[in-house]
Amino acid sequence: MEIELREVAKRYRFEWIFKNINYHFNSQHRYAILGNNGTGKSTFLKILSGHLTPSKGKIIFTNDGKALEIEQVYQQVAYAAPYIDLIEEFTLKEAIDFQQKFKPLQDGLNTKKLIELLGFQKSVDKEVKFFSSGMKQRLKLALAICGKTNLLLLDEPTTNLDQQGMDWYQDLLDKYSANRLLIIASNVEADYQRCDQFLNIMDFKK
């Protein structure tokens, strides 16, 4: 999976969030999008996912050497973020089964194995609305990281996680993010310590 940005910019009303981004993402690297809170990291991820369109410029999505139309991009994206909600009326099992109707899990995984990875065997029939904030975050991360997609976008992934949860997150990334284009937006080093390429939104404010 590759994403090429050409002079990409985003404006809300009269304010430019960022301008003139020229960048090439590919699955050979792991990328961190940096910047203080409120600088546009989440907006940038939404543009990369196809949820938002840039105000100026062009984005080219390529998968296996073939260009993707914007309406095809969603099939390739797994996305976890604090502002993306779970369906809280579902039980844990129902939530995972429902997700697989749209985005299958990686080969060798199924609902039972994902629950084991989460360590939530005692919560199979518990409704998500009764989960703690940390449990909800783990579920969001597991559904995204263990999904069978070529593009993995994570926004502030360790939000609401304790140290054990952070270690679990890093282990999950190591096991299930190989050969995918991974892009993480955060200003917390623990979130992106596996990344080797860095793009700071603050560099594109002028």
Protein backbone atom coordinates (compact mmCIF):
# COMPACT_ATOMS: atom_id res chain seq x y z
CA MET A 1 0.00 0.00 0.00
CA GLU A 2 1.27 3.47 -0.91
CA ILE A 3 -0.12 6.96 -0.43
CA GLU A 4 1.28 9.97 -2.30
CA LEU A 5 0.37 13.50 -1.26
CA ARG A 6 0.81 16.37 -3.72
CA GLU A 7 0.45 19.90 -2.34
CA VAL A 8 -2.23 18.72 0.10
CA ALA A 9 -3.82 21.37 2.30
CA LYS A 10 -6.86 21.57 4.57
CA ARG A 11 -8.80 24.65 5.59
CA TYR A 12 -11.74 25.15 7.97
CA ARG A 13 -13.48 28.41 7.12
CA PHE A 14 -10.66 30.96 7.01
CA GLU A 15 -8.03 28.97 8.91
CA TRP A 16 -5.51 26.72 7.18
CA ILE A 17 -4.91 23.64 9.34
CA PHE A 18 -1.91 22.65 7.20
CA LYS A 19 -0.64 23.56 3.75
CA ASN A 20 1.52 22.23 0.93
CA ILE A 21 2.22 18.70 2.17
CA ASN A 22 4.18 16.65 -0.34
CA TYR A 23 4.88 13.21 1.03
CA HIS A 24 5.07 9.55 0.04
CA PHE A 25 4.01 6.79 2.44
CA ASN A 26 4.77 3.12 1.75
CA SER A 27 4.62 -0.15 3.66
CA GLN A 28 8.41 -0.38 3.95
CA HIS A 29 8.31 2.06 6.87
CA ARG A 30 6.26 2.89 9.96
CA TYR A 31 5.21 6.51 10.24
CA ALA A 32 4.47 8.84 13.13
CA ILE A 33 2.45 12.03 12.65
CA LEU A 34 3.62 14.46 15.32
CA GLY A 35 2.39 17.79 16.67
CA ASN A 36 0.87 19.35 19.75
CA ASN A 37 -2.79 18.88 20.62
CA GLY A 38 -5.07 20.78 18.26
CA THR A 39 -2.51 21.12 15.45
CA GLY A 40 -4.35 18.91 12.95
CA LYS A 41 -3.01 15.38 13.43
CA SER A 42 -6.47 13.81 13.58
CA THR A 43 -7.66 15.86 10.60
CA PHE A 44 -4.65 14.62 8.65
CA LEU A 45 -5.46 10.98 9.50
CA LYS A 46 -9.06 11.48 8.40
CA ILE A 47 -7.81 12.72 5.05
CA LEU A 48 -5.50 9.71 4.69
CA SER A 49 -8.45 7.40 5.46
CA GLY A 50 -10.69 9.04 2.87
CA HIS A 51 -13.14 10.34 5.50
CA LEU A 52 -12.24 13.94 4.63
CA THR A 53 -11.19 15.52 1.35
CA PRO A 54 -8.36 18.04 1.18
CA SER A 55 -9.20 21.68 0.44
CA LYS A 56 -6.34 21.76 -2.05
CA GLY A 57 -3.99 19.25 -3.60
CA LYS A 58 -4.26 15.61 -4.57
CA ILE A 59 -3.90 12.23 -2.85
CA ILE A 60 -3.03 9.10 -4.83
CA PHE A 61 -3.74 5.72 -3.22
CA THR A 62 -2.01 2.67 -4.70
CA ASN A 63 -2.34 -0.98 -3.72
CA ASP A 64 -0.21 -3.69 -5.35
CA GLY A 65 0.75 -1.20 -8.04
CA LYS A 66 -2.87 -0.36 -8.91
CA ALA A 67 -4.39 3.04 -8.29
CA LEU A 68 -7.45 3.05 -6.02
CA GLU A 69 -10.48 5.25 -6.43
CA ILE A 70 -11.39 7.11 -3.25
CA GLU A 71 -14.54 4.99 -2.77
CA GLN A 72 -12.33 1.85 -2.74
CA VAL A 73 -9.99 3.11 -0.04
CA TYR A 74 -12.27 2.23 2.90
CA GLN A 75 -11.90 -1.47 2.07
CA GLN A 76 -8.17 -1.19 2.77
CA VAL A 77 -8.37 0.84 6.00
CA ALA A 78 -8.38 -0.23 9.64
CA TYR A 79 -8.72 2.79 11.92
CA ALA A 80 -8.71 3.19 15.71
CA ALA A 81 -9.13 6.53 17.45
CA PRO A 82 -10.68 7.95 20.66
CA TYR A 83 -13.40 9.68 18.60
CA ILE A 84 -14.46 6.49 16.79
CA ASP A 85 -17.16 4.89 18.91
CA LEU A 86 -18.01 1.23 19.43
CA ILE A 87 -21.61 0.02 19.31
CA GLU A 88 -22.10 -0.21 23.04
CA GLU A 89 -25.32 -2.26 22.95
CA PHE A 90 -23.38 -5.18 21.49
CA THR A 91 -21.79 -7.83 23.66
CA LEU A 92 -18.09 -8.42 23.12
CA LYS A 93 -18.76 -11.42 20.89
CA GLU A 94 -21.40 -9.54 18.91
CA ALA A 95 -19.06 -6.57 18.40
CA ILE A 96 -16.30 -8.77 16.98
CA ASP A 97 -18.69 -10.80 14.82
CA PHE A 98 -20.27 -7.60 13.47
CA GLN A 99 -16.87 -6.09 12.61
CA GLN A 100 -15.97 -9.17 10.56
CA LYS A 101 -18.95 -8.63 8.28
CA PHE A 102 -17.13 -5.56 6.95
CA LYS A 103 -13.46 -6.18 7.72
CA PRO A 104 -12.25 -9.77 8.19
CA LEU A 105 -9.62 -10.67 10.75
CA GLN A 106 -6.15 -11.68 9.68
CA ASP A 107 -5.55 -15.29 8.65
CA GLY A 108 -5.47 -17.64 11.63
CA LEU A 109 -7.65 -15.41 13.78
CA ASN A 110 -11.34 -15.75 14.65
CA THR A 111 -13.65 -14.35 17.30
CA LYS A 112 -12.56 -16.84 19.97
CA LYS A 113 -8.85 -16.22 19.39
CA LEU A 114 -9.29 -12.46 19.38
CA ILE A 115 -11.08 -12.62 22.72
CA GLU A 116 -8.14 -14.63 24.04
CA LEU A 117 -5.70 -12.02 22.72
CA LEU A 118 -7.70 -9.39 24.55
CA GLY A 119 -7.76 -11.47 27.73
CA PHE A 120 -11.51 -10.91 27.96
CA GLN A 121 -12.71 -14.52 28.21
CA LYS A 122 -14.91 -13.66 31.19
CA SER A 123 -16.58 -10.81 29.30
CA VAL A 124 -17.78 -12.63 26.17
CA ASP A 125 -21.46 -11.89 26.84
CA LYS A 126 -20.92 -8.55 28.56
CA GLU A 127 -22.27 -5.47 26.75
CA VAL A 128 -19.58 -3.05 25.63
CA LYS A 129 -21.29 -0.17 27.49
CA PHE A 130 -20.29 -1.85 30.75
CA PHE A 131 -16.60 -2.04 29.78
CA SER A 132 -14.08 0.26 31.42
CA SER A 133 -12.45 2.93 29.26
CA GLY A 134 -9.30 0.82 29.09
CA MET A 135 -11.21 -2.27 27.94
CA LYS A 136 -12.96 -0.26 25.22
CA GLN A 137 -9.63 1.06 24.00
CA ARG A 138 -8.16 -2.43 23.88
CA LEU A 139 -11.13 -3.61 21.84
CA LYS A 140 -10.78 -0.73 19.38
CA LEU A 141 -7.08 -1.48 18.96
CA ALA A 142 -7.57 -5.22 18.57
CA LEU A 143 -10.24 -4.80 15.89
CA ALA A 144 -7.99 -2.43 13.94
CA ILE A 145 -4.59 -4.04 14.39
CA CYS A 146 -5.85 -7.59 13.83
CA GLY A 147 -7.93 -6.64 10.80
CA LYS A 148 -6.97 -7.91 7.36
CA THR A 149 -6.27 -4.55 5.73
CA ASN A 150 -3.27 -2.98 4.03
CA LEU A 151 -3.54 0.41 5.75
CA LEU A 152 -3.54 0.74 9.54
CA LEU A 153 -4.24 4.17 11.07
CA LEU A 154 -3.97 4.72 14.81
CA ASP A 155 -4.73 8.00 16.58
CA GLU A 156 -3.38 8.30 20.15
CA PRO A 157 -3.51 4.50 20.59
CA THR A 158 -2.49 4.31 24.26
CA THR A 159 -5.29 6.63 25.43
CA ASN A 160 -6.87 5.14 28.60
CA LEU A 161 -4.32 2.31 28.79
CA ASP A 162 -2.26 1.54 31.88
CA GLN A 163 1.31 0.25 31.62
CA GLN A 164 0.15 -3.34 31.15
CA GLY A 165 -2.17 -2.17 28.38
CA MET A 166 0.64 -0.24 26.71
CA ASP A 167 2.86 -3.34 26.73
CA TRP A 168 -0.03 -5.37 25.29
CA TYR A 169 -0.47 -2.78 22.52
CA GLN A 170 3.21 -2.91 21.53
CA ASP A 171 3.13 -6.70 21.46
CA LEU A 172 0.01 -6.69 19.29
CA LEU A 173 1.66 -4.28 16.84
CA ASP A 174 4.75 -6.49 16.62
CA LYS A 175 2.64 -9.55 15.81
CA TYR A 176 0.03 -8.15 13.44
CA SER A 177 1.26 -5.03 11.64
CA ALA A 178 3.94 -6.55 9.39
CA ASN A 179 3.74 -5.78 5.67
CA ARG A 180 1.08 -3.10 6.22
CA LEU A 181 1.29 0.65 5.90
CA LEU A 182 1.21 1.81 9.53
CA ILE A 183 0.63 5.48 10.40
CA ILE A 184 0.29 6.64 14.02
CA ALA A 185 -0.74 10.14 15.09
CA SER A 186 0.35 11.14 18.58
CA ASN A 187 2.54 13.39 20.69
CA VAL A 188 3.18 10.57 23.19
CA GLU A 189 6.41 8.71 22.48
CA ALA A 190 5.09 5.40 23.83
CA ASP A 191 2.50 5.40 21.03
CA TYR A 192 4.97 5.57 18.16
CA GLN A 193 8.17 4.03 19.49
CA ARG A 194 8.10 1.37 16.73
CA CYS A 195 8.05 4.07 14.00
CA ASP A 196 11.09 4.99 11.91
CA GLN A 197 9.73 7.93 9.87
CA PHE A 198 8.33 11.16 11.31
CA LEU A 199 6.17 13.93 9.88
CA ASN A 200 5.47 16.97 12.05
CA ILE A 201 2.26 18.83 11.20
CA MET A 202 3.80 22.01 12.64
CA ASP A 203 6.14 22.10 9.64
CA PHE A 204 3.17 22.71 7.33
CA LYS A 205 1.44 25.62 9.05
CA LYS A 206 2.90 28.44 6.99
